[in-house]
Amino acid sequence: MEKQKRAVVTPERLKAAIEASWCAETSDAPIRYAEYGGENPPYGQCRATALVVHDYLGGSILFSIYKGSFGAHYYNMLDDGTVVDLTRQQFGKPPHKGIVLLPPQRTNRAFVKASCRRFRQYELLKDKVAAVLSEVERMDPTAHAPLRRK
């Protein structure tokens, strides 16, 4: 497992840093992100996001197949059983409106990471999140206020 060697970060702080870091280049569908990302920022971000959450919080990576499709949605389950799905809100908005997810299955990190490699989404999102967290820490080591999306 590739745990980040960083200070402990709360799930809330990590969520804010990830959301502030999403962009077309971190999406599975960078060209379509230009069309949908403004009104649906988590669009196409699930794979890379699940890996970054795993880096910081550990646990397992889960995936659910889209009913009637070959697509899949990736998210996390922490060791205490808490489900962390930072990109779930993309469902219910175009182009994912009406998609039904089948029950989750566990997958391994290597599989998820390999599927991000060709677009480098994971590496870019990981670096952007680290920079956001580092900047917040530099500005105020005791900061706990939510970050704002740029």
C-alpha atoms as a PDB file:
ATOM      1  CA  MET A   1       0.000   0.000   0.000  1.00  0.00           C
ATOM      2  CA  GLU A   2       1.277   3.483  -0.890  1.00  0.00           C
ATOM      3  CA  LYS A   3       0.519   5.485   2.238  1.00  0.00           C
ATOM      4  CA  GLN A   4       1.408   9.163   2.000  1.00  0.00           C
ATOM      5  CA  LYS A   5       4.010  10.296   4.534  1.00  0.00           C
ATOM      6  CA  ARG A   6       2.094  13.384   5.610  1.00  0.00           C
ATOM      7  CA  ALA A   7       0.580  14.731   8.770  1.00  0.00           C
ATOM      8  CA  VAL A   8      -2.721  13.218   9.812  1.00  0.00           C
ATOM      9  CA  VAL A   9      -5.582  14.916   8.003  1.00  0.00           C
ATOM     10  CA  THR A  10      -9.251  14.816   8.946  1.00  0.00           C
ATOM     11  CA  PRO A  11     -11.731  13.358   6.465  1.00  0.00           C
ATOM     12  CA  GLU A  12     -13.411  16.779   6.265  1.00  0.00           C
ATOM     13  CA  ARG A  13     -10.144  18.565   5.454  1.00  0.00           C
ATOM     14  CA  LEU A  14      -9.232  15.888   2.887  1.00  0.00           C
ATOM     15  CA  LYS A  15     -12.660  16.189   1.242  1.00  0.00           C
ATOM     16  CA  ALA A  16     -12.259  19.952   0.933  1.00  0.00           C
ATOM     17  CA  ALA A  17      -8.730  19.621  -0.500  1.00  0.00           C
ATOM     18  CA  ILE A  18      -9.839  17.005  -3.025  1.00  0.00           C
ATOM     19  CA  GLU A  19     -12.852  19.036  -4.147  1.00  0.00           C
ATOM     20  CA  ALA A  20     -10.646  22.130  -4.530  1.00  0.00           C
ATOM     21  CA  SER A  21      -8.258  20.073  -6.697  1.00  0.00           C
ATOM     22  CA  TRP A  22     -10.665  18.523  -9.207  1.00  0.00           C
ATOM     23  CA  CYS A  23     -10.223  19.688 -12.785  1.00  0.00           C
ATOM     24  CA  ALA A  24     -10.551  18.350 -16.328  1.00  0.00           C
ATOM     25  CA  GLU A  25      -7.083  16.748 -16.167  1.00  0.00           C
ATOM     26  CA  THR A  26      -7.984  14.722 -13.043  1.00  0.00           C
ATOM     27  CA  SER A  27     -11.224  13.443 -14.622  1.00  0.00           C
ATOM     28  CA  ASP A  28     -11.587  10.102 -16.424  1.00  0.00           C
ATOM     29  CA  ALA A  29     -13.237  12.060 -19.238  1.00  0.00           C
ATOM     30  CA  PRO A  30     -11.319  15.333 -19.619  1.00  0.00           C
ATOM     31  CA  ILE A  31     -13.034  16.388 -22.838  1.00  0.00           C
ATOM     32  CA  ARG A  32     -16.553  15.749 -21.499  1.00  0.00           C
ATOM     33  CA  TYR A  33     -15.553  17.409 -18.200  1.00  0.00           C
ATOM     34  CA  ALA A  34     -15.473  20.725 -20.050  1.00  0.00           C
ATOM     35  CA  GLU A  35     -19.162  20.203 -20.801  1.00  0.00           C
ATOM     36  CA  TYR A  36     -20.321  18.816 -17.447  1.00  0.00           C
ATOM     37  CA  GLY A  37     -17.684  19.766 -14.855  1.00  0.00           C
ATOM     38  CA  GLY A  38     -19.006  23.249 -14.164  1.00  0.00           C
ATOM     39  CA  GLU A  39     -22.358  22.019 -12.919  1.00  0.00           C
ATOM     40  CA  ASN A  40     -21.096  18.573 -11.878  1.00  0.00           C
ATOM     41  CA  PRO A  41     -17.524  18.944 -10.470  1.00  0.00           C
ATOM     42  CA  PRO A  42     -17.182  15.287  -9.322  1.00  0.00           C
ATOM     43  CA  TYR A  43     -17.904  14.060 -12.879  1.00  0.00           C
ATOM     44  CA  GLY A  44     -15.319  11.426 -13.824  1.00  0.00           C
ATOM     45  CA  GLN A  45     -13.300  11.944 -10.636  1.00  0.00           C
ATOM     46  CA  CYS A  46     -14.127   8.716  -8.757  1.00  0.00           C
ATOM     47  CA  ARG A  47     -11.107   6.566  -9.663  1.00  0.00           C
ATOM     48  CA  ALA A  48      -8.406   9.088  -8.803  1.00  0.00           C
ATOM     49  CA  THR A  49     -10.368  10.342  -5.787  1.00  0.00           C
ATOM     50  CA  ALA A  50     -10.721   6.822  -4.352  1.00  0.00           C
ATOM     51  CA  LEU A  51      -6.952   6.350  -4.624  1.00  0.00           C
ATOM     52  CA  VAL A  52      -6.172   9.658  -2.895  1.00  0.00           C
ATOM     53  CA  VAL A  53      -8.652   8.921  -0.096  1.00  0.00           C
ATOM     54  CA  HIS A  54      -6.995   5.512   0.284  1.00  0.00           C
ATOM     55  CA  ASP A  55      -3.564   7.201   0.507  1.00  0.00           C
ATOM     56  CA  TYR A  56      -4.610   9.332   3.446  1.00  0.00           C
ATOM     57  CA  LEU A  57      -7.301   7.321   5.231  1.00  0.00           C
ATOM     58  CA  GLY A  58      -6.539   3.687   4.345  1.00  0.00           C
ATOM     59  CA  GLY A  59      -9.321   1.115   4.314  1.00  0.00           C
ATOM     60  CA  SER A  60     -10.589  -0.560   1.149  1.00  0.00           C
ATOM     61  CA  ILE A  61     -11.463   0.597  -2.351  1.00  0.00           C
ATOM     62  CA  LEU A  62     -14.920  -0.449  -3.498  1.00  0.00           C
ATOM     63  CA  PHE A  63     -16.524  -0.340  -6.907  1.00  0.00           C
ATOM     64  CA  SER A  64     -20.074  -0.625  -8.178  1.00  0.00           C
ATOM     65  CA  ILE A  65     -20.967  -1.440 -11.770  1.00  0.00           C
ATOM     66  CA  TYR A  66     -23.523   0.776 -13.507  1.00  0.00           C
ATOM     67  CA  LYS A  67     -26.645  -1.340 -14.047  1.00  0.00           C
ATOM     68  CA  GLY A  68     -26.956  -2.124 -17.771  1.00  0.00           C
ATOM     69  CA  SER A  69     -23.534  -0.672 -18.613  1.00  0.00           C
ATOM     70  CA  PHE A  70     -19.829  -1.422 -18.524  1.00  0.00           C
ATOM     71  CA  GLY A  71     -19.039   1.652 -16.421  1.00  0.00           C
ATOM     72  CA  ALA A  72     -17.987   1.489 -12.773  1.00  0.00           C
ATOM     73  CA  HIS A  73     -17.981   3.842  -9.797  1.00  0.00           C
ATOM     74  CA  TYR A  74     -15.092   3.750  -7.269  1.00  0.00           C
ATOM     75  CA  TYR A  75     -15.198   4.831  -3.633  1.00  0.00           C
ATOM     76  CA  ASN A  76     -13.855   3.864  -0.210  1.00  0.00           C
ATOM     77  CA  MET A  77     -14.683   2.001   2.978  1.00  0.00           C
ATOM     78  CA  LEU A  78     -12.600   2.841   6.029  1.00  0.00           C
ATOM     79  CA  ASP A  79     -11.412   0.177   8.452  1.00  0.00           C
ATOM     80  CA  ASP A  80     -14.263   1.053  10.838  1.00  0.00           C
ATOM     81  CA  GLY A  81     -16.839   0.360   8.089  1.00  0.00           C
ATOM     82  CA  THR A  82     -17.533   4.018   7.238  1.00  0.00           C
ATOM     83  CA  VAL A  83     -18.214   4.494   3.529  1.00  0.00           C
ATOM     84  CA  VAL A  84     -16.479   7.527   2.017  1.00  0.00           C
ATOM     85  CA  ASP A  85     -17.843   8.402  -1.415  1.00  0.00           C
ATOM     86  CA  LEU A  86     -16.755  11.925  -2.322  1.00  0.00           C
ATOM     87  CA  THR A  87     -18.020  11.690  -5.901  1.00  0.00           C
ATOM     88  CA  ARG A  88     -21.456  10.131  -5.367  1.00  0.00           C
ATOM     89  CA  GLN A  89     -23.180  13.459  -6.002  1.00  0.00           C
ATOM     90  CA  GLN A  90     -22.258  13.190  -9.705  1.00  0.00           C
ATOM     91  CA  PHE A  91     -25.157  10.758 -10.038  1.00  0.00           C
ATOM     92  CA  GLY A  92     -28.427  12.561 -10.503  1.00  0.00           C
ATOM     93  CA  LYS A  93     -26.842  15.222 -12.717  1.00  0.00           C
ATOM     94  CA  PRO A  94     -26.060  15.022 -16.439  1.00  0.00           C
ATOM     95  CA  PRO A  95     -24.630  12.891 -17.919  1.00  0.00           C
ATOM     96  CA  HIS A  96     -25.135  10.381 -15.083  1.00  0.00           C
ATOM     97  CA  LYS A  97     -28.762  11.194 -14.271  1.00  0.00           C
ATOM     98  CA  GLY A  98     -30.767   8.005 -13.786  1.00  0.00           C
ATOM     99  CA  ILE A  99     -27.803   5.628 -13.481  1.00  0.00           C
ATOM    100  CA  VAL A 100     -28.357   2.796 -11.015  1.00  0.00           C
ATOM    101  CA  LEU A 101     -25.335   1.324  -9.248  1.00  0.00           C
ATOM    102  CA  LEU A 102     -25.194  -2.378  -8.417  1.00  0.00           C
ATOM    103  CA  PRO A 103     -24.052  -3.495  -4.931  1.00  0.00           C
ATOM    104  CA  PRO A 104     -20.365  -2.769  -4.193  1.00  0.00           C
ATOM    105  CA  GLN A 105     -17.438  -5.132  -4.459  1.00  0.00           C
ATOM    106  CA  ARG A 106     -13.916  -4.718  -3.103  1.00  0.00           C
ATOM    107  CA  THR A 107     -11.125  -4.190  -5.572  1.00  0.00           C
ATOM    108  CA  ASN A 108      -7.397  -3.838  -5.192  1.00  0.00           C
ATOM    109  CA  ARG A 109      -5.430  -0.631  -5.384  1.00  0.00           C
ATOM    110  CA  ALA A 110      -3.123  -1.846  -8.156  1.00  0.00           C
ATOM    111  CA  PHE A 111      -6.077  -2.463 -10.487  1.00  0.00           C
ATOM    112  CA  VAL A 112      -7.579   0.977  -9.839  1.00  0.00           C
ATOM    113  CA  LYS A 113      -4.216   2.715 -10.170  1.00  0.00           C
ATOM    114  CA  ALA A 114      -3.399   0.915 -13.422  1.00  0.00           C
ATOM    115  CA  SER A 115      -6.654   2.124 -14.924  1.00  0.00           C
ATOM    116  CA  CYS A 116      -5.690   5.756 -14.111  1.00  0.00           C
ATOM    117  CA  ARG A 117      -2.147   5.499 -15.476  1.00  0.00           C
ATOM    118  CA  ARG A 118      -2.740   6.398 -19.105  1.00  0.00           C
ATOM    119  CA  PHE A 119      -4.244   9.754 -18.169  1.00  0.00           C
ATOM    120  CA  ARG A 120      -2.134  10.324 -15.046  1.00  0.00           C
ATOM    121  CA  GLN A 121      -5.269  11.435 -13.196  1.00  0.00           C
ATOM    122  CA  TYR A 122      -4.217   9.911  -9.906  1.00  0.00           C
ATOM    123  CA  GLU A 123      -0.703  11.371  -9.860  1.00  0.00           C
ATOM    124  CA  LEU A 124      -2.002  14.827 -10.749  1.00  0.00           C
ATOM    125  CA  LEU A 125      -4.830  14.768  -8.192  1.00  0.00           C
ATOM    126  CA  LYS A 126      -2.494  13.424  -5.499  1.00  0.00           C
ATOM    127  CA  ASP A 127      -0.012  16.246  -6.133  1.00  0.00           C
ATOM    128  CA  LYS A 128      -2.702  18.929  -6.236  1.00  0.00           C
ATOM    129  CA  VAL A 129      -4.272  17.709  -2.969  1.00  0.00           C
ATOM    130  CA  ALA A 130      -0.869  17.605  -1.263  1.00  0.00           C
ATOM    131  CA  ALA A 131      -0.200  21.187  -2.419  1.00  0.00           C
ATOM    132  CA  VAL A 132      -3.569  22.410  -1.121  1.00  0.00           C
ATOM    133  CA  LEU A 133      -3.070  20.707   2.242  1.00  0.00           C
ATOM    134  CA  SER A 134       0.489  22.012   2.480  1.00  0.00           C
ATOM    135  CA  GLU A 135      -0.589  25.577   1.677  1.00  0.00           C
ATOM    136  CA  VAL A 136      -3.363  25.502   4.275  1.00  0.00           C
ATOM    137  CA  GLU A 137      -0.915  24.131   6.856  1.00  0.00           C
ATOM    138  CA  ARG A 138       1.676  26.778   5.949  1.00  0.00           C
ATOM    139  CA  MET A 139      -0.844  29.599   6.238  1.00  0.00           C
ATOM    140  CA  ASP A 140      -2.344  28.403   9.514  1.00  0.00           C
ATOM    141  CA  PRO A 141      -1.244  25.118  11.113  1.00  0.00           C
ATOM    142  CA  THR A 142      -4.382  25.118  13.282  1.00  0.00           C
ATOM    143  CA  ALA A 143      -6.813  25.900  10.443  1.00  0.00           C
ATOM    144  CA  HIS A 144      -9.972  23.845  10.485  1.00  0.00           C
ATOM    145  CA  ALA A 145     -12.271  26.001   8.350  1.00  0.00           C
ATOM    146  CA  PRO A 146     -13.520  24.386   5.128  1.00  0.00           C
ATOM    147  CA  LEU A 147     -11.574  25.100   1.974  1.00  0.00           C
ATOM    148  CA  ARG A 148     -13.304  26.833  -0.902  1.00  0.00           C
ATOM    149  CA  ARG A 149     -13.297  25.470  -4.434  1.00  0.00           C
ATOM    150  CA  LYS A 150     -11.356  27.740  -6.795  1.00  0.00           C
END
